[in-house]
């Protein structure tokens, strides 16, 4: 089986620069012609299977292609590069990190976010605005000669590695190449099958900077139900009372500040998971997913998230559990198989 999660995690793609991720997803979707490929103007890509049911409801399932990262903001006269954050990031994760500038002409320029020796520090401020990327040049002109331009993507080049016990994996961009990979697996699994509802599976853009792609996609498809496939943070290694833990199943997001899971939808999800012995963890979040945007679009769209728990997201490397991935996959596949247009209508 193709490891889409590995392949996708190795591709660079911050918000607004998802083209390489989209190309990979399209290359997989093209193998399944019973799905029609549709794209929105912001760069989202989706596989669409239209039902023969003239009264069919529409289910939209989406990961998001973008990862958090940096962008070239300014090149100083000495050749160093000022950066700005794309998505929610803490400056301390960048200190002493090797980073790469991805140029418009396809080059990958190495550099380092320099660590200042303690005896030279004037403060302990690790604001991203104070960080500089050193690409080894001695002037602005030399940096420009490398092909670096304002707006270029700046990212880590973290490898995909499985842990020694074979149960977990480490990589960058688990948030949210998980959702992209699971979307592709669903397309592969349900190719050749028919439904009495319209099934749309794919990935949005610019989730990390305001859930923008979800708004575009819901305007395009006007779904009757929306499922986000996304990754959520854990602190279980530091907090023994953490409500969710690695290896305990997928995350059923019952609350975040912009999406309180509708009661009929919550009871349906829990009943479905319990009936099929799918392990899940009820999860409360102070952040949001694309489902937070979809829920209040149009007349209201029943929306929720099938979540993958992970440690250390929004940094250079995160860690997730293959059992949790298996349970998320089981939940999504079971959901797609069990739903009908009537069931979708019952969640209103």
C-alpha atoms as a PDB file:
ATOM      1  CA  UNK A   1       0.000   0.000   0.000  1.00  0.00           C
ATOM      2  CA  UNK A   2       1.269   3.461  -0.891  1.00  0.00           C
ATOM      3  CA  UNK A   3       2.242   5.424   2.206  1.00  0.00           C
ATOM      4  CA  UNK A   4       0.520   8.662   1.337  1.00  0.00           C
ATOM      5  CA  UNK A   5       1.254  10.023   4.805  1.00  0.00           C
ATOM      6  CA  UNK A   6       4.993   9.710   4.289  1.00  0.00           C
ATOM      7  CA  UNK A   7       4.904  11.055   0.756  1.00  0.00           C
ATOM      8  CA  UNK A   8       2.719  14.007   1.696  1.00  0.00           C
ATOM      9  CA  UNK A   9       4.687  14.934   4.819  1.00  0.00           C
ATOM     10  CA  UNK A  10       7.857  15.297   2.770  1.00  0.00           C
ATOM     11  CA  UNK A  11       6.263  17.816   0.399  1.00  0.00           C
ATOM     12  CA  UNK A  12       6.659  21.502   1.325  1.00  0.00           C
ATOM     13  CA  UNK A  13       3.479  23.565   1.323  1.00  0.00           C
ATOM     14  CA  UNK A  14       2.593  26.485   3.586  1.00  0.00           C
ATOM     15  CA  UNK A  15      -0.693  28.385   3.335  1.00  0.00           C
ATOM     16  CA  UNK A  16      -1.008  29.988  -0.072  1.00  0.00           C
ATOM     17  CA  UNK A  17       1.744  27.758  -1.489  1.00  0.00           C
ATOM     18  CA  UNK A  18       0.057  24.362  -1.572  1.00  0.00           C
ATOM     19  CA  UNK A  19       0.655  23.672  -5.274  1.00  0.00           C
ATOM     20  CA  UNK A  20       3.066  20.738  -4.785  1.00  0.00           C
ATOM     21  CA  UNK A  21       0.697  19.034  -2.337  1.00  0.00           C
ATOM     22  CA  UNK A  22      -2.208  19.607  -4.700  1.00  0.00           C
ATOM     23  CA  UNK A  23      -0.236  18.087  -7.597  1.00  0.00           C
ATOM     24  CA  UNK A  24       0.374  14.934  -5.561  1.00  0.00           C
ATOM     25  CA  UNK A  25      -3.289  14.652  -4.614  1.00  0.00           C
ATOM     26  CA  UNK A  26      -4.395  15.171  -8.197  1.00  0.00           C
ATOM     27  CA  UNK A  27      -1.983  12.480  -9.414  1.00  0.00           C
ATOM     28  CA  UNK A  28      -3.710   9.991  -7.106  1.00  0.00           C
ATOM     29  CA  UNK A  29      -7.268  11.152  -7.849  1.00  0.00           C
ATOM     30  CA  UNK A  30      -6.701  10.752 -11.593  1.00  0.00           C
ATOM     31  CA  UNK A  31      -6.392   6.979 -11.106  1.00  0.00           C
ATOM     32  CA  UNK A  32     -10.068   6.743 -10.108  1.00  0.00           C
ATOM     33  CA  UNK A  33     -12.172   8.051 -13.016  1.00  0.00           C
ATOM     34  CA  UNK A  34     -15.498   7.257 -11.350  1.00  0.00           C
ATOM     35  CA  UNK A  35     -14.742  10.372  -9.311  1.00  0.00           C
ATOM     36  CA  UNK A  36     -14.784  13.704 -11.130  1.00  0.00           C
ATOM     37  CA  UNK A  37     -11.962  16.035 -10.101  1.00  0.00           C
ATOM     38  CA  UNK A  38     -13.136  19.510  -9.137  1.00  0.00           C
ATOM     39  CA  UNK A  39     -11.039  22.495  -8.030  1.00  0.00           C
ATOM     40  CA  UNK A  40     -11.923  25.792  -6.429  1.00  0.00           C
ATOM     41  CA  UNK A  41     -10.302  29.108  -7.269  1.00  0.00           C
ATOM     42  CA  UNK A  42      -8.268  29.173  -4.050  1.00  0.00           C
ATOM     43  CA  UNK A  43      -6.591  25.879  -4.942  1.00  0.00           C
ATOM     44  CA  UNK A  44      -8.705  23.289  -3.146  1.00  0.00           C
ATOM     45  CA  UNK A  45      -9.042  19.946  -4.919  1.00  0.00           C
ATOM     46  CA  UNK A  46     -11.829  17.391  -4.570  1.00  0.00           C
ATOM     47  CA  UNK A  47     -12.994  14.070  -5.982  1.00  0.00           C
ATOM     48  CA  UNK A  48     -16.733  14.210  -6.688  1.00  0.00           C
ATOM     49  CA  UNK A  49     -19.012  11.163  -7.012  1.00  0.00           C
ATOM     50  CA  UNK A  50     -22.514  12.232  -8.005  1.00  0.00           C
ATOM     51  CA  UNK A  51     -25.424  10.049  -6.902  1.00  0.00           C
ATOM     52  CA  UNK A  52     -28.192   8.828  -9.195  1.00  0.00           C
ATOM     53  CA  UNK A  53     -30.662   9.751  -6.457  1.00  0.00           C
ATOM     54  CA  UNK A  54     -32.444  12.884  -7.678  1.00  0.00           C
ATOM     55  CA  UNK A  55     -33.056  13.922  -4.043  1.00  0.00           C
ATOM     56  CA  UNK A  56     -29.509  13.192  -2.923  1.00  0.00           C
ATOM     57  CA  UNK A  57     -27.975  15.125  -0.077  1.00  0.00           C
ATOM     58  CA  UNK A  58     -24.296  16.069  -0.314  1.00  0.00           C
ATOM     59  CA  UNK A  59     -21.484  15.041   2.035  1.00  0.00           C
ATOM     60  CA  UNK A  60     -18.217  16.985   1.847  1.00  0.00           C
ATOM     61  CA  UNK A  61     -15.131  15.485   3.527  1.00  0.00           C
ATOM     62  CA  UNK A  62     -11.905  17.468   3.564  1.00  0.00           C
ATOM     63  CA  UNK A  63      -8.443  17.636   4.991  1.00  0.00           C
ATOM     64  CA  UNK A  64      -6.368  20.756   4.427  1.00  0.00           C
ATOM     65  CA  UNK A  65      -3.184  20.882   2.393  1.00  0.00           C
ATOM     66  CA  UNK A  66      -1.346  23.734   4.059  1.00  0.00           C
ATOM     67  CA  UNK A  67       1.180  23.449   6.866  1.00  0.00           C
ATOM     68  CA  UNK A  68       2.501  26.203   9.104  1.00  0.00           C
ATOM     69  CA  UNK A  69       5.834  27.762   8.195  1.00  0.00           C
ATOM     70  CA  UNK A  70       7.626  30.979   7.394  1.00  0.00           C
ATOM     71  CA  UNK A  71       7.799  33.415   4.503  1.00  0.00           C
ATOM     72  CA  UNK A  72      10.576  35.742   3.347  1.00  0.00           C
ATOM     73  CA  UNK A  73       9.649  39.203   4.600  1.00  0.00           C
ATOM     74  CA  UNK A  74      12.773  41.294   3.984  1.00  0.00           C
ATOM     75  CA  UNK A  75      16.410  40.877   2.939  1.00  0.00           C
ATOM     76  CA  UNK A  76      18.848  42.958   4.965  1.00  0.00           C
ATOM     77  CA  UNK A  77      21.893  44.697   3.478  1.00  0.00           C
ATOM     78  CA  UNK A  78      24.141  42.032   5.084  1.00  0.00           C
ATOM     79  CA  UNK A  79      22.268  39.281   3.218  1.00  0.00           C
ATOM     80  CA  UNK A  80      20.303  37.859   6.153  1.00  0.00           C
ATOM     81  CA  UNK A  81      16.589  37.263   5.770  1.00  0.00           C
ATOM     82  CA  UNK A  82      13.754  38.484   7.965  1.00  0.00           C
ATOM     83  CA  UNK A  83      10.791  36.122   8.093  1.00  0.00           C
ATOM     84  CA  UNK A  84       7.147  36.258   9.033  1.00  0.00           C
ATOM     85  CA  UNK A  85       4.995  33.415  10.375  1.00  0.00           C
ATOM     86  CA  UNK A  86       2.330  31.761   8.252  1.00  0.00           C
ATOM     87  CA  UNK A  87      -0.013  30.171  10.777  1.00  0.00           C
ATOM     88  CA  UNK A  88       0.290  29.823  14.539  1.00  0.00           C
ATOM     89  CA  UNK A  89       3.944  29.412  15.466  1.00  0.00           C
ATOM     90  CA  UNK A  90       6.214  29.980  18.451  1.00  0.00           C
ATOM     91  CA  UNK A  91       9.618  31.549  17.796  1.00  0.00           C
ATOM     92  CA  UNK A  92      11.484  29.166  20.085  1.00  0.00           C
ATOM     93  CA  UNK A  93      10.951  26.169  17.756  1.00  0.00           C
ATOM     94  CA  UNK A  94      13.169  27.798  15.122  1.00  0.00           C
ATOM     95  CA  UNK A  95      16.348  28.489  17.099  1.00  0.00           C
ATOM     96  CA  UNK A  96      19.346  26.638  15.575  1.00  0.00           C
ATOM     97  CA  UNK A  97      17.110  25.000  12.968  1.00  0.00           C
ATOM     98  CA  UNK A  98      18.267  24.409   9.412  1.00  0.00           C
ATOM     99  CA  UNK A  99      15.661  25.936   7.116  1.00  0.00           C
ATOM    100  CA  UNK A 100      15.235  26.069   3.354  1.00  0.00           C
ATOM    101  CA  UNK A 101      13.998  28.865   1.139  1.00  0.00           C
ATOM    102  CA  UNK A 102      11.936  27.469  -1.734  1.00  0.00           C
ATOM    103  CA  UNK A 103      12.417  29.833  -4.671  1.00  0.00           C
ATOM    104  CA  UNK A 104      10.128  30.539  -7.591  1.00  0.00           C
ATOM    105  CA  UNK A 105      12.561  28.881  -9.989  1.00  0.00           C
ATOM    106  CA  UNK A 106      12.574  25.623  -8.051  1.00  0.00           C
ATOM    107  CA  UNK A 107      15.750  26.012  -6.026  1.00  0.00           C
ATOM    108  CA  UNK A 108      16.043  25.012  -2.383  1.00  0.00           C
ATOM    109  CA  UNK A 109      18.366  27.441  -0.555  1.00  0.00           C
ATOM    110  CA  UNK A 110      19.723  26.188   2.807  1.00  0.00           C
ATOM    111  CA  UNK A 111      20.184  28.428   5.808  1.00  0.00           C
ATOM    112  CA  UNK A 112      20.056  28.460   9.592  1.00  0.00           C
ATOM    113  CA  UNK A 113      18.110  30.447  12.155  1.00  0.00           C
ATOM    114  CA  UNK A 114      21.159  31.401  14.158  1.00  0.00           C
ATOM    115  CA  UNK A 115      21.440  30.787  17.860  1.00  0.00           C
ATOM    116  CA  UNK A 116      23.090  33.647  19.715  1.00  0.00           C
ATOM    117  CA  UNK A 117      25.557  32.421  22.371  1.00  0.00           C
ATOM    118  CA  UNK A 118      24.185  33.081  25.875  1.00  0.00           C
ATOM    119  CA  UNK A 119      26.994  35.493  26.805  1.00  0.00           C
ATOM    120  CA  UNK A 120      26.105  37.693  23.801  1.00  0.00           C
ATOM    121  CA  UNK A 121      22.359  37.772  24.371  1.00  0.00           C
ATOM    122  CA  UNK A 122      20.742  41.038  25.337  1.00  0.00           C
ATOM    123  CA  UNK A 123      17.390  39.422  26.071  1.00  0.00           C
ATOM    124  CA  UNK A 124      15.631  36.092  25.962  1.00  0.00           C
ATOM    125  CA  UNK A 125      13.013  37.308  23.506  1.00  0.00           C
ATOM    126  CA  UNK A 126      12.296  34.614  20.916  1.00  0.00           C
ATOM    127  CA  UNK A 127       9.754  36.568  18.888  1.00  0.00           C
ATOM    128  CA  UNK A 128       9.698  35.469  15.249  1.00  0.00           C
ATOM    129  CA  UNK A 129      10.054  39.144  14.315  1.00  0.00           C
ATOM    130  CA  UNK A 130      13.533  39.041  15.882  1.00  0.00           C
ATOM    131  CA  UNK A 131      14.729  35.919  14.055  1.00  0.00           C
ATOM    132  CA  UNK A 132      17.063  36.018  11.073  1.00  0.00           C
ATOM    133  CA  UNK A 133      17.704  33.310   8.512  1.00  0.00           C
ATOM    134  CA  UNK A 134      21.402  33.164   7.600  1.00  0.00           C
ATOM    135  CA  UNK A 135      21.899  31.661   4.116  1.00  0.00           C
ATOM    136  CA  UNK A 136      25.651  32.265   4.173  1.00  0.00           C
ATOM    137  CA  UNK A 137      25.687  35.321   1.945  1.00  0.00           C
ATOM    138  CA  UNK A 138      27.485  38.569   2.722  1.00  0.00           C
ATOM    139  CA  UNK A 139      25.151  41.035   1.012  1.00  0.00           C
ATOM    140  CA  UNK A 140      21.584  41.574  -0.113  1.00  0.00           C
ATOM    141  CA  UNK A 141      22.751  41.352  -3.715  1.00  0.00           C
ATOM    142  CA  UNK A 142      24.297  37.932  -3.118  1.00  0.00           C
ATOM    143  CA  UNK A 143      21.137  36.616  -1.460  1.00  0.00           C
ATOM    144  CA  UNK A 144      19.104  37.886  -4.401  1.00  0.00           C
ATOM    145  CA  UNK A 145      21.543  36.178  -6.772  1.00  0.00           C
ATOM    146  CA  UNK A 146      20.618  32.860  -5.132  1.00  0.00           C
ATOM    147  CA  UNK A 147      17.090  33.390  -6.442  1.00  0.00           C
ATOM    148  CA  UNK A 148      15.528  34.438  -3.126  1.00  0.00           C
ATOM    149  CA  UNK A 149      12.530  36.773  -3.398  1.00  0.00           C
ATOM    150  CA  UNK A 150      10.066  38.332  -1.002  1.00  0.00           C
ATOM    151  CA  UNK A 151       7.171  35.958  -0.327  1.00  0.00           C
ATOM    152  CA  UNK A 152       9.214  32.781  -0.829  1.00  0.00           C
ATOM    153  CA  UNK A 153       8.296  29.830   1.404  1.00  0.00           C
ATOM    154  CA  UNK A 154      10.719  28.982   4.242  1.00  0.00           C
ATOM    155  CA  UNK A 155      10.400  25.510   5.796  1.00  0.00           C
ATOM    156  CA  UNK A 156      12.082  22.707   7.690  1.00  0.00           C
ATOM    157  CA  UNK A 157      13.166  19.594   5.801  1.00  0.00           C
ATOM    158  CA  UNK A 158      12.222  17.081   8.486  1.00  0.00           C
ATOM    159  CA  UNK A 159      12.352  13.401   7.426  1.00  0.00           C
ATOM    160  CA  UNK A 160       9.569  10.874   7.964  1.00  0.00           C
ATOM    161  CA  UNK A 161      10.738   8.370  10.603  1.00  0.00           C
ATOM    162  CA  UNK A 162       8.973   5.507  12.360  1.00  0.00           C
ATOM    163  CA  UNK A 163       9.765   5.035  16.038  1.00  0.00           C
ATOM    164  CA  UNK A 164      11.793   2.018  17.180  1.00  0.00           C
ATOM    165  CA  UNK A 165       8.705   0.088  18.273  1.00  0.00           C
ATOM    166  CA  UNK A 166       7.055   0.598  14.876  1.00  0.00           C
ATOM    167  CA  UNK A 167       3.933   2.004  16.524  1.00  0.00           C
ATOM    168  CA  UNK A 168       4.366   5.726  15.879  1.00  0.00           C
ATOM    169  CA  UNK A 169       5.817   8.086  13.325  1.00  0.00           C
ATOM    170  CA  UNK A 170       7.664  11.392  13.429  1.00  0.00           C
ATOM    171  CA  UNK A 171       7.491  14.010  10.698  1.00  0.00           C
ATOM    172  CA  UNK A 172       6.710  17.602   9.947  1.00  0.00           C
ATOM    173  CA  UNK A 173       3.235  18.575   8.741  1.00  0.00           C
ATOM    174  CA  UNK A 174       1.295  15.751  10.403  1.00  0.00           C
ATOM    175  CA  UNK A 175      -1.075  18.707  10.732  1.00  0.00           C
ATOM    176  CA  UNK A 176      -2.512  18.195   8.240  1.00  0.00           C
ATOM    177  CA  UNK A 177      -1.081  15.811   5.718  1.00  0.00           C
ATOM    178  CA  UNK A 178      -2.920  13.270   7.885  1.00  0.00           C
ATOM    179  CA  UNK A 179      -6.203  14.628   6.551  1.00  0.00           C
ATOM    180  CA  UNK A 180      -4.935  14.697   2.975  1.00  0.00           C
ATOM    181  CA  UNK A 181      -3.652  11.131   3.191  1.00  0.00           C
ATOM    182  CA  UNK A 182      -6.873   9.813   4.716  1.00  0.00           C
ATOM    183  CA  UNK A 183      -8.899  11.592   2.046  1.00  0.00           C
ATOM    184  CA  UNK A 184      -6.861   9.837  -0.650  1.00  0.00           C
ATOM    185  CA  UNK A 185      -7.280   6.464   1.064  1.00  0.00           C
ATOM    186  CA  UNK A 186     -11.041   7.016   1.146  1.00  0.00           C
ATOM    187  CA  UNK A 187     -11.118   7.788  -2.574  1.00  0.00           C
ATOM    188  CA  UNK A 188      -9.163   4.602  -3.267  1.00  0.00           C
ATOM    189  CA  UNK A 189     -11.365   2.504  -0.977  1.00  0.00           C
ATOM    190  CA  UNK A 190     -14.710   3.753  -2.301  1.00  0.00           C
ATOM    191  CA  UNK A 191     -13.853   3.814  -5.977  1.00  0.00           C
ATOM    192  CA  UNK A 192     -16.366   1.637  -7.818  1.00  0.00           C
ATOM    193  CA  UNK A 193     -19.013   1.996  -5.095  1.00  0.00           C
ATOM    194  CA  UNK A 194     -22.244   3.995  -5.357  1.00  0.00           C
ATOM    195  CA  UNK A 195     -24.219   5.951  -2.776  1.00  0.00           C
ATOM    196  CA  UNK A 196     -27.629   7.541  -2.497  1.00  0.00           C
ATOM    197  CA  UNK A 197     -25.918  10.809  -1.565  1.00  0.00           C
ATOM    198  CA  UNK A 198     -23.336  12.902  -3.391  1.00  0.00           C
ATOM    199  CA  UNK A 199     -19.868  12.142  -2.027  1.00  0.00           C
ATOM    200  CA  UNK A 200     -17.094  14.724  -2.231  1.00  0.00           C
ATOM    201  CA  UNK A 201     -13.651  13.984  -0.763  1.00  0.00           C
ATOM    202  CA  UNK A 202     -10.596  16.214  -0.975  1.00  0.00           C
ATOM    203  CA  UNK A 203      -8.606  18.984   0.654  1.00  0.00           C
ATOM    204  CA  UNK A 204      -8.859  22.719   1.201  1.00  0.00           C
ATOM    205  CA  UNK A 205      -6.230  25.465   1.254  1.00  0.00           C
ATOM    206  CA  UNK A 206      -5.265  28.173   3.753  1.00  0.00           C
ATOM    207  CA  UNK A 207      -6.815  26.540   6.807  1.00  0.00           C
ATOM    208  CA  UNK A 208      -3.947  27.686   9.022  1.00  0.00           C
ATOM    209  CA  UNK A 209      -4.569  31.360   8.273  1.00  0.00           C
ATOM    210  CA  UNK A 210      -8.298  31.599   8.868  1.00  0.00           C
ATOM    211  CA  UNK A 211     -10.118  28.522   7.507  1.00  0.00           C
ATOM    212  CA  UNK A 212     -10.360  30.289   4.153  1.00  0.00           C
ATOM    213  CA  UNK A 213     -10.473  27.224   1.920  1.00  0.00           C
ATOM    214  CA  UNK A 214     -13.384  25.719   3.843  1.00  0.00           C
ATOM    215  CA  UNK A 215     -15.492  28.788   3.154  1.00  0.00           C
ATOM    216  CA  UNK A 216     -14.661  28.605  -0.557  1.00  0.00           C
ATOM    217  CA  UNK A 217     -15.407  24.862  -0.744  1.00  0.00           C
ATOM    218  CA  UNK A 218     -18.712  25.094   1.095  1.00  0.00           C
ATOM    219  CA  UNK A 219     -19.772  27.945  -1.194  1.00  0.00           C
ATOM    220  CA  UNK A 220     -18.818  25.843  -4.211  1.00  0.00           C
ATOM    221  CA  UNK A 221     -20.522  22.587  -3.221  1.00  0.00           C
ATOM    222  CA  UNK A 222     -23.185  23.756  -0.740  1.00  0.00           C
ATOM    223  CA  UNK A 223     -22.983  20.461   1.193  1.00  0.00           C
ATOM    224  CA  UNK A 224     -25.620  19.204   3.598  1.00  0.00           C
ATOM    225  CA  UNK A 225     -22.945  17.761   5.918  1.00  0.00           C
ATOM    226  CA  UNK A 226     -19.242  18.496   6.365  1.00  0.00           C
ATOM    227  CA  UNK A 227     -16.517  16.351   7.922  1.00  0.00           C
ATOM    228  CA  UNK A 228     -13.069  17.816   8.544  1.00  0.00           C
ATOM    229  CA  UNK A 229     -10.123  15.423   8.732  1.00  0.00           C
ATOM    230  CA  UNK A 230      -7.577  17.184  10.904  1.00  0.00           C
ATOM    231  CA  UNK A 231      -4.886  16.805  13.512  1.00  0.00           C
ATOM    232  CA  UNK A 232      -5.161  18.139  17.075  1.00  0.00           C
ATOM    233  CA  UNK A 233      -2.550  18.704  19.776  1.00  0.00           C
ATOM    234  CA  UNK A 234      -1.951  16.657  22.902  1.00  0.00           C
ATOM    235  CA  UNK A 235       0.147  17.360  25.961  1.00  0.00           C
ATOM    236  CA  UNK A 236      -0.211  13.882  27.411  1.00  0.00           C
ATOM    237  CA  UNK A 237       3.514  13.285  27.925  1.00  0.00           C
ATOM    238  CA  UNK A 238       3.693  16.281  30.293  1.00  0.00           C
ATOM    239  CA  UNK A 239       0.188  16.217  31.723  1.00  0.00           C
ATOM    240  CA  UNK A 240      -0.907  12.966  33.392  1.00  0.00           C
ATOM    241  CA  UNK A 241      -4.470  14.306  33.501  1.00  0.00           C
ATOM    242  CA  UNK A 242      -4.646  15.049  29.780  1.00  0.00           C
ATOM    243  CA  UNK A 243      -8.133  14.139  28.548  1.00  0.00           C
ATOM    244  CA  UNK A 244      -6.673  12.550  25.399  1.00  0.00           C
ATOM    245  CA  UNK A 245      -3.609  10.373  24.865  1.00  0.00           C
ATOM    246  CA  UNK A 246      -1.629   8.882  22.026  1.00  0.00           C
ATOM    247  CA  UNK A 247      -2.705   5.324  21.269  1.00  0.00           C
ATOM    248  CA  UNK A 248      -6.243   5.684  22.646  1.00  0.00           C
ATOM    249  CA  UNK A 249      -8.129   6.206  19.397  1.00  0.00           C
ATOM    250  CA  UNK A 250      -9.313   9.000  17.137  1.00  0.00           C
ATOM    251  CA  UNK A 251     -10.545  12.315  18.526  1.00  0.00           C
ATOM    252  CA  UNK A 252     -14.265  13.072  18.576  1.00  0.00           C
ATOM    253  CA  UNK A 253     -14.252  16.854  18.831  1.00  0.00           C
ATOM    254  CA  UNK A 254     -17.326  17.631  20.903  1.00  0.00           C
ATOM    255  CA  UNK A 255     -16.454  21.288  21.460  1.00  0.00           C
ATOM    256  CA  UNK A 256     -14.297  24.072  20.161  1.00  0.00           C
ATOM    257  CA  UNK A 257     -14.981  27.813  20.418  1.00  0.00           C
ATOM    258  CA  UNK A 258     -16.711  27.945  17.027  1.00  0.00           C
ATOM    259  CA  UNK A 259     -18.258  24.493  16.748  1.00  0.00           C
ATOM    260  CA  UNK A 260     -20.290  22.804  19.440  1.00  0.00           C
ATOM    261  CA  UNK A 261     -21.076  19.365  18.028  1.00  0.00           C
ATOM    262  CA  UNK A 262     -24.794  19.090  17.339  1.00  0.00           C
ATOM    263  CA  UNK A 263     -26.411  16.624  19.715  1.00  0.00           C
ATOM    264  CA  UNK A 264     -27.956  14.302  17.053  1.00  0.00           C
ATOM    265  CA  UNK A 265     -24.606  14.191  15.236  1.00  0.00           C
ATOM    266  CA  UNK A 266     -22.698  13.454  18.427  1.00  0.00           C
ATOM    267  CA  UNK A 267     -25.012  10.628  19.437  1.00  0.00           C
ATOM    268  CA  UNK A 268     -24.832   9.151  15.936  1.00  0.00           C
ATOM    269  CA  UNK A 269     -21.023   9.233  15.897  1.00  0.00           C
ATOM    270  CA  UNK A 270     -20.735   7.660  19.336  1.00  0.00           C
ATOM    271  CA  UNK A 271     -23.286   4.946  18.539  1.00  0.00           C
ATOM    272  CA  UNK A 272     -21.602   4.147  15.221  1.00  0.00           C
ATOM    273  CA  UNK A 273     -18.145   3.942  16.783  1.00  0.00           C
ATOM    274  CA  UNK A 274     -19.335   1.780  19.681  1.00  0.00           C
ATOM    275  CA  UNK A 275     -21.312  -0.568  17.413  1.00  0.00           C
ATOM    276  CA  UNK A 276     -18.267  -1.147  15.223  1.00  0.00           C
ATOM    277  CA  UNK A 277     -15.806  -1.244  18.143  1.00  0.00           C
ATOM    278  CA  UNK A 278     -13.904   1.809  16.957  1.00  0.00           C
ATOM    279  CA  UNK A 279     -11.937   3.429  19.743  1.00  0.00           C
ATOM    280  CA  UNK A 280     -12.399   7.172  20.186  1.00  0.00           C
ATOM    281  CA  UNK A 281     -11.631   9.924  22.663  1.00  0.00           C
ATOM    282  CA  UNK A 282     -14.008  12.791  23.347  1.00  0.00           C
ATOM    283  CA  UNK A 283     -12.020  15.968  22.841  1.00  0.00           C
ATOM    284  CA  UNK A 284     -12.448  19.600  23.844  1.00  0.00           C
ATOM    285  CA  UNK A 285     -10.343  22.110  21.943  1.00  0.00           C
ATOM    286  CA  UNK A 286      -9.552  25.797  22.215  1.00  0.00           C
ATOM    287  CA  UNK A 287      -8.601  25.847  18.527  1.00  0.00           C
ATOM    288  CA  UNK A 288     -10.650  25.197  15.417  1.00  0.00           C
ATOM    289  CA  UNK A 289     -10.755  23.153  12.217  1.00  0.00           C
ATOM    290  CA  UNK A 290     -12.430  23.726   8.856  1.00  0.00           C
ATOM    291  CA  UNK A 291     -15.609  22.388  10.485  1.00  0.00           C
ATOM    292  CA  UNK A 292     -15.740  25.600  12.522  1.00  0.00           C
ATOM    293  CA  UNK A 293     -16.166  27.540   9.303  1.00  0.00           C
ATOM    294  CA  UNK A 294     -18.554  25.131   7.602  1.00  0.00           C
ATOM    295  CA  UNK A 295     -21.025  24.920  10.484  1.00  0.00           C
ATOM    296  CA  UNK A 296     -22.279  28.478  10.070  1.00  0.00           C
ATOM    297  CA  UNK A 297     -22.247  28.671   6.289  1.00  0.00           C
ATOM    298  CA  UNK A 298     -25.478  29.012   4.279  1.00  0.00           C
ATOM    299  CA  UNK A 299     -28.426  27.916   6.457  1.00  0.00           C
ATOM    300  CA  UNK A 300     -26.116  25.957   8.763  1.00  0.00           C
ATOM    301  CA  UNK A 301     -24.233  22.800   7.842  1.00  0.00           C
ATOM    302  CA  UNK A 302     -23.963  19.941  10.373  1.00  0.00           C
ATOM    303  CA  UNK A 303     -20.198  19.723  10.719  1.00  0.00           C
ATOM    304  CA  UNK A 304     -17.633  17.947  12.833  1.00  0.00           C
ATOM    305  CA  UNK A 305     -14.083  16.618  12.825  1.00  0.00           C
ATOM    306  CA  UNK A 306     -12.537  13.166  12.739  1.00  0.00           C
ATOM    307  CA  UNK A 307      -9.304  14.007  14.495  1.00  0.00           C
ATOM    308  CA  UNK A 308      -5.858  12.482  14.818  1.00  0.00           C
ATOM    309  CA  UNK A 309      -4.112  13.176  18.128  1.00  0.00           C
ATOM    310  CA  UNK A 310      -0.474  14.263  17.841  1.00  0.00           C
ATOM    311  CA  UNK A 311       2.219  15.756  20.036  1.00  0.00           C
ATOM    312  CA  UNK A 312       4.234  18.870  19.175  1.00  0.00           C
ATOM    313  CA  UNK A 313       2.277  20.073  16.147  1.00  0.00           C
ATOM    314  CA  UNK A 314       3.011  23.539  14.722  1.00  0.00           C
ATOM    315  CA  UNK A 315       6.730  22.906  15.109  1.00  0.00           C
ATOM    316  CA  UNK A 316       9.566  21.290  13.162  1.00  0.00           C
ATOM    317  CA  UNK A 317       8.434  17.746  14.035  1.00  0.00           C
ATOM    318  CA  UNK A 318       5.413  16.044  15.550  1.00  0.00           C
ATOM    319  CA  UNK A 319       4.660  12.474  16.600  1.00  0.00           C
ATOM    320  CA  UNK A 320       1.490  10.456  16.040  1.00  0.00           C
ATOM    321  CA  UNK A 321       0.334   6.888  16.613  1.00  0.00           C
ATOM    322  CA  UNK A 322      -0.499   4.374  13.887  1.00  0.00           C
ATOM    323  CA  UNK A 323      -3.281   2.823  16.005  1.00  0.00           C
ATOM    324  CA  UNK A 324      -5.019   6.205  16.217  1.00  0.00           C
ATOM    325  CA  UNK A 325      -4.669   6.533  12.459  1.00  0.00           C
ATOM    326  CA  UNK A 326      -6.227   3.085  12.021  1.00  0.00           C
ATOM    327  CA  UNK A 327      -9.187   4.049  14.208  1.00  0.00           C
ATOM    328  CA  UNK A 328      -9.678   7.344  12.352  1.00  0.00           C
ATOM    329  CA  UNK A 329      -9.637   5.418   9.074  1.00  0.00           C
ATOM    330  CA  UNK A 330     -12.153   2.869  10.390  1.00  0.00           C
ATOM    331  CA  UNK A 331     -14.420   5.665  11.569  1.00  0.00           C
ATOM    332  CA  UNK A 332     -14.350   7.503   8.267  1.00  0.00           C
ATOM    333  CA  UNK A 333     -14.914   4.393   6.174  1.00  0.00           C
ATOM    334  CA  UNK A 334     -17.716   3.190   8.464  1.00  0.00           C
ATOM    335  CA  UNK A 335     -19.345   6.621   8.360  1.00  0.00           C
ATOM    336  CA  UNK A 336     -19.269   6.820   4.564  1.00  0.00           C
ATOM    337  CA  UNK A 337     -20.723   3.294   4.295  1.00  0.00           C
ATOM    338  CA  UNK A 338     -23.467   3.868   6.867  1.00  0.00           C
ATOM    339  CA  UNK A 339     -24.710   7.307   5.845  1.00  0.00           C
ATOM    340  CA  UNK A 340     -27.723   7.858   3.627  1.00  0.00           C
ATOM    341  CA  UNK A 341     -29.412  11.010   2.425  1.00  0.00           C
ATOM    342  CA  UNK A 342     -32.158  10.456   5.004  1.00  0.00           C
ATOM    343  CA  UNK A 343     -29.643  10.118   7.819  1.00  0.00           C
ATOM    344  CA  UNK A 344     -27.882  13.289   6.719  1.00  0.00           C
ATOM    345  CA  UNK A 345     -31.232  15.089   6.732  1.00  0.00           C
ATOM    346  CA  UNK A 346     -31.952  13.841  10.265  1.00  0.00           C
ATOM    347  CA  UNK A 347     -29.033  15.862  11.700  1.00  0.00           C
ATOM    348  CA  UNK A 348     -30.769  19.184  10.994  1.00  0.00           C
END
